[in-house]
Amino acid sequence: MIDVAYAQGAGGAAGGGPLSIVANPLVMIVLMFVIFYFLLIRPQQKRAKEQRAMLDNLKKGDKIITNGGIMGEIVSISDQIMVLEVADKVRIKVGRSYVAGFAPKEG
């Protein structure tokens, strides 16, 4: 019986091994937040910044594609609304925030 008590007391409660840092719940939560920040939050912020810059730099004559897949050339543009020409003498109004990007080059 005494042998069992010595075996348990020798390496147990102090817990100074390398796994003691990982076992701390607070450290794990912080580590998860850091991982989420670099894998999810930061790339999303970068894409949003690029989208804002693209929307701010739109001008008359640019060929764009909307989120709905409509491609056209910007005829006029204001703060919130732009007019696209999608075919000869066919014009539609589109919200500026619905622009997905520049249209792919044809040819």
C-alpha atoms as a PDB file:
ATOM      1  CA  MET A   1       0.000   0.000   0.000  1.00  0.00           C
ATOM      2  CA  ILE A   2       2.856   2.391   0.724  1.00  0.00           C
ATOM      3  CA  ASP A   3       4.386   1.781  -2.704  1.00  0.00           C
ATOM      4  CA  VAL A   4       1.211   3.052  -4.400  1.00  0.00           C
ATOM      5  CA  ALA A   5       1.223   6.258  -2.347  1.00  0.00           C
ATOM      6  CA  TYR A   6       4.810   7.031  -3.308  1.00  0.00           C
ATOM      7  CA  ALA A   7       4.092   6.381  -6.971  1.00  0.00           C
ATOM      8  CA  GLN A   8       1.184   8.818  -7.027  1.00  0.00           C
ATOM      9  CA  GLY A   9       2.902  11.570  -5.073  1.00  0.00           C
ATOM     10  CA  ALA A  10       6.081  11.685  -7.137  1.00  0.00           C
ATOM     11  CA  GLY A  11       4.864  13.150 -10.429  1.00  0.00           C
ATOM     12  CA  GLY A  12       1.241  14.084  -9.926  1.00  0.00           C
ATOM     13  CA  ALA A  13       0.042  17.351  -8.452  1.00  0.00           C
ATOM     14  CA  ALA A  14       2.909  19.727  -9.290  1.00  0.00           C
ATOM     15  CA  GLY A  15       2.134  19.520 -13.033  1.00  0.00           C
ATOM     16  CA  GLY A  16       5.149  21.422 -14.261  1.00  0.00           C
ATOM     17  CA  GLY A  17       5.272  19.593 -17.593  1.00  0.00           C
ATOM     18  CA  PRO A  18       4.755  21.074 -21.040  1.00  0.00           C
ATOM     19  CA  LEU A  19       1.082  20.054 -21.111  1.00  0.00           C
ATOM     20  CA  SER A  20       0.184  22.257 -18.134  1.00  0.00           C
ATOM     21  CA  ILE A  21       0.103  25.390 -20.353  1.00  0.00           C
ATOM     22  CA  VAL A  22      -2.234  23.717 -22.853  1.00  0.00           C
ATOM     23  CA  ALA A  23      -4.477  22.444 -20.074  1.00  0.00           C
ATOM     24  CA  ASN A  24      -5.196  25.975 -18.796  1.00  0.00           C
ATOM     25  CA  PRO A  25      -8.642  26.972 -20.165  1.00  0.00           C
ATOM     26  CA  LEU A  26      -7.817  30.680 -20.348  1.00  0.00           C
ATOM     27  CA  VAL A  27      -4.761  30.041 -22.504  1.00  0.00           C
ATOM     28  CA  MET A  28      -6.838  27.804 -24.783  1.00  0.00           C
ATOM     29  CA  ILE A  29      -9.502  30.494 -25.250  1.00  0.00           C
ATOM     30  CA  VAL A  30      -6.889  33.128 -26.103  1.00  0.00           C
ATOM     31  CA  LEU A  31      -5.177  30.711 -28.479  1.00  0.00           C
ATOM     32  CA  MET A  32      -8.501  29.970 -30.224  1.00  0.00           C
ATOM     33  CA  PHE A  33      -9.206  33.718 -30.600  1.00  0.00           C
ATOM     34  CA  VAL A  34      -5.779  34.288 -32.155  1.00  0.00           C
ATOM     35  CA  ILE A  35      -6.347  31.430 -34.607  1.00  0.00           C
ATOM     36  CA  PHE A  36      -9.811  32.741 -35.541  1.00  0.00           C
ATOM     37  CA  TYR A  37      -8.412  36.244 -36.009  1.00  0.00           C
ATOM     38  CA  PHE A  38      -5.705  35.177 -38.455  1.00  0.00           C
ATOM     39  CA  LEU A  39      -7.804  32.593 -40.333  1.00  0.00           C
ATOM     40  CA  LEU A  40     -11.218  34.292 -40.481  1.00  0.00           C
ATOM     41  CA  ILE A  41     -11.435  37.898 -39.305  1.00  0.00           C
ATOM     42  CA  ARG A  42      -8.307  39.410 -40.856  1.00  0.00           C
ATOM     43  CA  PRO A  43      -8.825  38.034 -44.402  1.00  0.00           C
ATOM     44  CA  GLN A  44     -12.467  39.161 -44.325  1.00  0.00           C
ATOM     45  CA  GLN A  45     -11.448  42.692 -43.330  1.00  0.00           C
ATOM     46  CA  LYS A  46      -8.897  42.741 -46.155  1.00  0.00           C
ATOM     47  CA  ARG A  47     -11.527  41.675 -48.728  1.00  0.00           C
ATOM     48  CA  ALA A  48     -13.989  44.298 -47.438  1.00  0.00           C
ATOM     49  CA  LYS A  49     -11.326  46.999 -47.711  1.00  0.00           C
ATOM     50  CA  GLU A  50     -10.511  45.972 -51.300  1.00  0.00           C
ATOM     51  CA  GLN A  51     -14.243  45.965 -52.203  1.00  0.00           C
ATOM     52  CA  ARG A  52     -14.694  49.477 -50.748  1.00  0.00           C
ATOM     53  CA  ALA A  53     -11.673  50.734 -52.698  1.00  0.00           C
ATOM     54  CA  MET A  54     -13.016  49.197 -55.919  1.00  0.00           C
ATOM     55  CA  LEU A  55     -16.459  50.802 -55.392  1.00  0.00           C
ATOM     56  CA  ASP A  56     -14.879  54.183 -54.683  1.00  0.00           C
ATOM     57  CA  ASN A  57     -12.817  54.043 -57.892  1.00  0.00           C
ATOM     58  CA  LEU A  58     -15.681  53.204 -60.286  1.00  0.00           C
ATOM     59  CA  LYS A  59     -16.111  55.697 -63.103  1.00  0.00           C
ATOM     60  CA  LYS A  60     -18.147  56.217 -66.237  1.00  0.00           C
ATOM     61  CA  GLY A  61     -17.160  53.788 -68.996  1.00  0.00           C
ATOM     62  CA  ASP A  62     -16.069  50.918 -66.708  1.00  0.00           C
ATOM     63  CA  LYS A  63     -17.444  47.496 -67.597  1.00  0.00           C
ATOM     64  CA  ILE A  64     -18.690  45.744 -64.462  1.00  0.00           C
ATOM     65  CA  ILE A  65     -20.579  42.681 -63.303  1.00  0.00           C
ATOM     66  CA  THR A  66     -23.213  42.778 -60.576  1.00  0.00           C
ATOM     67  CA  ASN A  67     -23.828  40.261 -57.807  1.00  0.00           C
ATOM     68  CA  GLY A  68     -26.766  38.985 -59.887  1.00  0.00           C
ATOM     69  CA  GLY A  69     -24.524  38.318 -62.891  1.00  0.00           C
ATOM     70  CA  ILE A  70     -25.582  41.258 -65.059  1.00  0.00           C
ATOM     71  CA  MET A  71     -22.714  42.707 -67.074  1.00  0.00           C
ATOM     72  CA  GLY A  72     -22.780  46.205 -68.466  1.00  0.00           C
ATOM     73  CA  GLU A  73     -20.985  49.487 -68.972  1.00  0.00           C
ATOM     74  CA  ILE A  74     -21.471  52.371 -66.553  1.00  0.00           C
ATOM     75  CA  VAL A  75     -23.266  55.240 -68.298  1.00  0.00           C
ATOM     76  CA  SER A  76     -23.761  57.463 -65.258  1.00  0.00           C
ATOM     77  CA  ILE A  77     -22.906  57.126 -61.603  1.00  0.00           C
ATOM     78  CA  SER A  78     -23.928  58.828 -58.363  1.00  0.00           C
ATOM     79  CA  ASP A  79     -23.349  58.115 -54.678  1.00  0.00           C
ATOM     80  CA  GLN A  80     -25.822  55.223 -54.429  1.00  0.00           C
ATOM     81  CA  ILE A  81     -27.186  54.505 -57.934  1.00  0.00           C
ATOM     82  CA  MET A  82     -25.537  53.860 -61.271  1.00  0.00           C
ATOM     83  CA  VAL A  83     -27.012  53.386 -64.726  1.00  0.00           C
ATOM     84  CA  LEU A  84     -25.669  50.448 -66.729  1.00  0.00           C
ATOM     85  CA  GLU A  85     -26.029  49.931 -70.433  1.00  0.00           C
ATOM     86  CA  VAL A  86     -26.453  46.179 -70.887  1.00  0.00           C
ATOM     87  CA  ALA A  87     -27.253  46.274 -74.625  1.00  0.00           C
ATOM     88  CA  ASP A  88     -27.761  48.923 -77.308  1.00  0.00           C
ATOM     89  CA  LYS A  89     -30.191  51.476 -75.853  1.00  0.00           C
ATOM     90  CA  VAL A  90     -31.055  49.167 -72.930  1.00  0.00           C
ATOM     91  CA  ARG A  91     -30.220  50.810 -69.622  1.00  0.00           C
ATOM     92  CA  ILE A  92     -30.914  49.686 -66.074  1.00  0.00           C
ATOM     93  CA  LYS A  93     -30.412  51.281 -62.686  1.00  0.00           C
ATOM     94  CA  VAL A  94     -28.321  49.337 -60.196  1.00  0.00           C
ATOM     95  CA  GLY A  95     -27.368  50.058 -56.613  1.00  0.00           C
ATOM     96  CA  ARG A  96     -23.690  50.840 -56.302  1.00  0.00           C
ATOM     97  CA  SER A  97     -23.235  48.321 -53.479  1.00  0.00           C
ATOM     98  CA  TYR A  98     -24.375  45.461 -55.759  1.00  0.00           C
ATOM     99  CA  VAL A  99     -21.280  45.631 -57.956  1.00  0.00           C
ATOM    100  CA  ALA A 100     -19.282  42.413 -57.653  1.00  0.00           C
ATOM    101  CA  GLY A 101     -16.291  43.543 -59.682  1.00  0.00           C
ATOM    102  CA  PHE A 102     -15.017  44.410 -63.101  1.00  0.00           C
ATOM    103  CA  ALA A 103     -16.332  42.338 -66.015  1.00  0.00           C
ATOM    104  CA  PRO A 104     -13.945  39.804 -67.508  1.00  0.00           C
ATOM    105  CA  LYS A 105     -12.306  40.823 -70.771  1.00  0.00           C
ATOM    106  CA  GLU A 106     -14.103  39.511 -73.838  1.00  0.00           C
ATOM    107  CA  GLY A 107     -12.293  37.969 -76.720  1.00  0.00           C
END
